[in-house]
Amino acid sequence: MILKKRPFVLSHSTFAGSGHYTTHWSGDNAASFIDLYQSIPTILNYNIFGMTFAGAEICGFNDDTTEELCTKWVQLGAFYPFMRNHNAVGAKYTLFFKASTISTTVIEPLFFEYPNDENTYSIDRQFLVGPAILVSPNLLPNSSTVHAYIPQDVCYDFPSGIQLTTVG
């Protein structure tokens, strides 16, 4: 950090060790519900590999999108570490600072925060932003409900702030 500034390098191609210097996005995905779903394990993998400022093309890059797909993708993308349609000039992000200085993740699979809860080991449709925000997106067409696993912990509903009772 010669200039005492946080560098930003986003690459479409990477190699072993790139996470120390640059980050990545998922590439030219399709406008499909399967690619919406696949964006989660893809971004989780990038975070585990050390490329924490990762994201996917919101609404897909290839093919025509639908209003429903794009709406759900924007809802999910709001929690990606890097959202392609995002603009926050001058904003500083604590999770990214920690990721670049002490090699933590920005988003992570549930088993990172709940390693003793075996139910979290195979969950790839939910993730955590930092240690406190659980993201459980709606990834299916023609659906308005989500069945989510909530580990046993002190949890609050957003935006009501009501404390939830969880059993894991």
Protein backbone atom coordinates (compact mmCIF):
# COMPACT_ATOMS: atom_id res chain seq x y z
CA MET A 1 0.00 0.00 0.00
CA ILE A 2 2.56 2.50 -1.19
CA LEU A 3 0.04 5.32 -1.64
CA LYS A 4 -1.81 4.35 1.56
CA LYS A 5 -4.92 3.65 -0.48
CA ARG A 6 -6.90 0.48 -0.78
CA PRO A 7 -6.27 -0.84 -4.30
CA PHE A 8 -9.04 -2.13 -6.53
CA VAL A 9 -8.20 -4.65 -9.24
CA LEU A 10 -10.98 -6.74 -10.79
CA SER A 11 -9.97 -9.46 -13.21
CA HIS A 12 -11.84 -11.85 -15.46
CA SER A 13 -8.95 -14.33 -15.27
CA THR A 14 -6.92 -15.35 -12.26
CA PHE A 15 -4.21 -17.74 -11.14
CA ALA A 16 -3.03 -19.32 -7.89
CA GLY A 17 -2.33 -16.55 -5.39
CA SER A 18 -4.41 -13.93 -7.21
CA GLY A 19 -6.61 -13.40 -4.17
CA HIS A 20 -3.79 -11.52 -2.48
CA TYR A 21 -3.80 -8.83 -5.19
CA THR A 22 -7.03 -8.93 -7.13
CA THR A 23 -10.57 -10.24 -7.16
CA HIS A 24 -12.89 -11.88 -9.63
CA TRP A 25 -16.45 -12.08 -10.88
CA SER A 26 -18.23 -15.20 -12.02
CA GLY A 27 -18.03 -14.48 -15.72
CA ASP A 28 -20.53 -14.55 -18.51
CA ASN A 29 -23.42 -16.40 -16.89
CA ALA A 30 -26.82 -17.00 -18.44
CA ALA A 31 -30.10 -15.34 -17.54
CA SER A 32 -31.50 -18.47 -15.89
CA PHE A 33 -32.64 -19.63 -12.48
CA ILE A 34 -29.92 -22.31 -12.46
CA ASP A 35 -27.24 -19.62 -12.94
CA LEU A 36 -28.91 -17.54 -10.22
CA TYR A 37 -28.53 -20.53 -7.88
CA GLN A 38 -25.00 -21.35 -9.08
CA SER A 39 -23.85 -17.82 -8.27
CA ILE A 40 -24.00 -18.63 -4.54
CA PRO A 41 -21.57 -21.58 -4.43
CA THR A 42 -19.38 -19.80 -6.99
CA ILE A 43 -19.04 -16.66 -4.87
CA LEU A 44 -18.63 -18.72 -1.70
CA ASN A 45 -15.75 -20.59 -3.38
CA TYR A 46 -14.09 -17.32 -4.44
CA ASN A 47 -14.28 -16.12 -0.82
CA ILE A 48 -12.78 -19.36 0.48
CA PHE A 49 -9.98 -19.02 -2.12
CA GLY A 50 -9.22 -15.52 -0.78
CA MET A 51 -10.94 -13.51 -3.52
CA THR A 52 -13.45 -11.85 -1.22
CA PHE A 53 -14.69 -9.01 -3.42
CA ALA A 54 -16.52 -11.38 -5.77
CA GLY A 55 -19.84 -11.24 -7.54
CA ALA A 56 -21.91 -12.33 -10.52
CA GLU A 57 -23.53 -10.54 -13.45
CA ILE A 58 -26.89 -9.44 -12.02
CA CYS A 59 -29.79 -10.75 -14.16
CA GLY A 60 -27.35 -12.76 -16.27
CA PHE A 61 -25.09 -11.77 -19.13
CA ASN A 62 -26.18 -14.16 -21.86
CA ASP A 63 -29.78 -14.64 -23.02
CA ASP A 64 -32.83 -12.50 -22.29
CA THR A 65 -33.89 -12.14 -18.68
CA THR A 66 -37.40 -11.97 -17.26
CA GLU A 67 -38.76 -9.45 -14.80
CA GLU A 68 -39.15 -12.17 -12.16
CA LEU A 69 -35.61 -13.51 -12.60
CA CYS A 70 -34.05 -10.05 -12.59
CA THR A 71 -36.02 -9.02 -9.49
CA LYS A 72 -34.88 -12.11 -7.59
CA TRP A 73 -31.31 -11.64 -8.80
CA VAL A 74 -31.20 -8.04 -7.62
CA GLN A 75 -32.60 -9.16 -4.26
CA LEU A 76 -29.81 -11.74 -3.96
CA GLY A 77 -27.16 -9.48 -5.50
CA ALA A 78 -27.75 -6.86 -2.83
CA PHE A 79 -25.87 -9.25 -0.54
CA TYR A 80 -23.06 -10.19 -2.92
CA PRO A 81 -19.73 -8.72 -1.88
CA PHE A 82 -19.54 -7.19 -5.38
CA MET A 83 -22.70 -6.29 -7.30
CA ARG A 84 -22.10 -5.25 -10.89
CA ASN A 85 -24.78 -2.54 -10.79
CA HIS A 86 -23.47 -1.11 -7.53
CA ASN A 87 -21.93 2.32 -7.03
CA ALA A 88 -20.62 3.50 -3.68
CA VAL A 89 -17.78 5.90 -4.41
CA GLY A 90 -15.74 6.66 -1.33
CA ALA A 91 -17.41 4.01 0.86
CA LYS A 92 -15.16 1.94 3.09
CA TYR A 93 -16.17 -1.60 3.90
CA THR A 94 -14.96 -3.13 7.16
CA LEU A 95 -15.38 -6.72 5.94
CA PHE A 96 -13.27 -6.01 2.85
CA PHE A 97 -10.62 -4.27 4.93
CA LYS A 98 -10.39 -7.31 7.21
CA ALA A 99 -10.34 -9.61 4.18
CA SER A 100 -7.44 -7.72 2.63
CA THR A 101 -5.44 -7.36 5.84
CA ILE A 102 -6.07 -10.53 7.87
CA SER A 103 -7.36 -12.91 5.17
CA THR A 104 -10.94 -13.34 6.36
CA THR A 105 -13.96 -13.85 4.10
CA VAL A 106 -16.68 -11.35 3.23
CA ILE A 107 -19.40 -13.90 2.60
CA GLU A 108 -19.12 -17.41 3.94
CA PRO A 109 -20.93 -20.72 4.11
CA LEU A 110 -22.93 -21.28 7.28
CA PHE A 111 -20.53 -23.98 8.52
CA PHE A 112 -17.80 -21.33 8.91
CA GLU A 113 -19.80 -19.65 11.69
CA TYR A 114 -21.47 -22.85 12.95
CA PRO A 115 -18.79 -25.58 12.63
CA ASN A 116 -20.44 -27.79 15.26
CA ASP A 117 -23.82 -27.80 13.47
CA GLU A 118 -23.60 -30.67 10.96
CA ASN A 119 -26.84 -29.49 9.31
CA THR A 120 -24.91 -26.54 7.87
CA TYR A 121 -22.28 -28.64 6.07
CA SER A 122 -24.27 -29.21 2.87
CA ILE A 123 -26.14 -25.89 2.66
CA ASP A 124 -25.26 -24.12 -0.59
CA ARG A 125 -28.36 -21.97 -1.09
CA GLN A 126 -27.78 -19.76 1.95
CA PHE A 127 -24.77 -17.82 3.16
CA LEU A 128 -23.64 -15.29 5.74
CA VAL A 129 -22.47 -11.74 5.08
CA GLY A 130 -19.95 -11.34 7.86
CA PRO A 131 -20.90 -13.21 11.01
CA ALA A 132 -24.37 -11.70 11.43
CA ILE A 133 -26.45 -11.45 8.25
CA LEU A 134 -28.02 -14.71 7.02
CA VAL A 135 -29.06 -14.56 3.35
CA SER A 136 -31.71 -17.06 2.25
CA PRO A 137 -32.73 -15.99 -1.28
CA ASN A 138 -35.72 -17.10 -3.32
CA LEU A 139 -34.10 -18.99 -6.21
CA LEU A 140 -37.12 -20.66 -7.82
CA PRO A 141 -39.48 -19.38 -10.51
CA ASN A 142 -43.14 -18.84 -9.61
CA SER A 143 -42.49 -18.99 -5.87
CA SER A 144 -42.90 -16.45 -3.11
CA THR A 145 -41.70 -18.43 -0.08
CA VAL A 146 -38.32 -19.70 1.04
CA HIS A 147 -37.58 -22.66 3.29
CA ALA A 148 -34.43 -21.73 5.16
CA TYR A 149 -32.33 -23.40 7.81
CA ILE A 150 -31.67 -21.09 10.74
CA PRO A 151 -28.96 -22.36 13.11
CA GLN A 152 -29.54 -22.18 16.84
CA ASP A 153 -28.47 -18.69 17.85
CA VAL A 154 -29.88 -15.32 18.85
CA CYS A 155 -31.53 -14.10 15.63
CA TYR A 156 -33.65 -11.14 14.64
CA ASP A 157 -36.10 -10.64 11.81
CA PHE A 158 -35.25 -7.89 9.36
CA PRO A 159 -36.70 -5.28 9.13
CA SER A 160 -39.05 -5.71 12.15
CA GLY A 161 -36.25 -6.32 14.67
CA ILE A 162 -38.30 -9.00 16.41
CA GLN A 163 -36.15 -11.66 18.11
CA LEU A 164 -36.69 -15.13 16.63
CA THR A 165 -36.67 -18.40 18.51
CA THR A 166 -34.38 -20.83 16.70
CA VAL A 167 -33.74 -24.50 17.38
CA GLY A 168 -31.30 -25.26 14.57
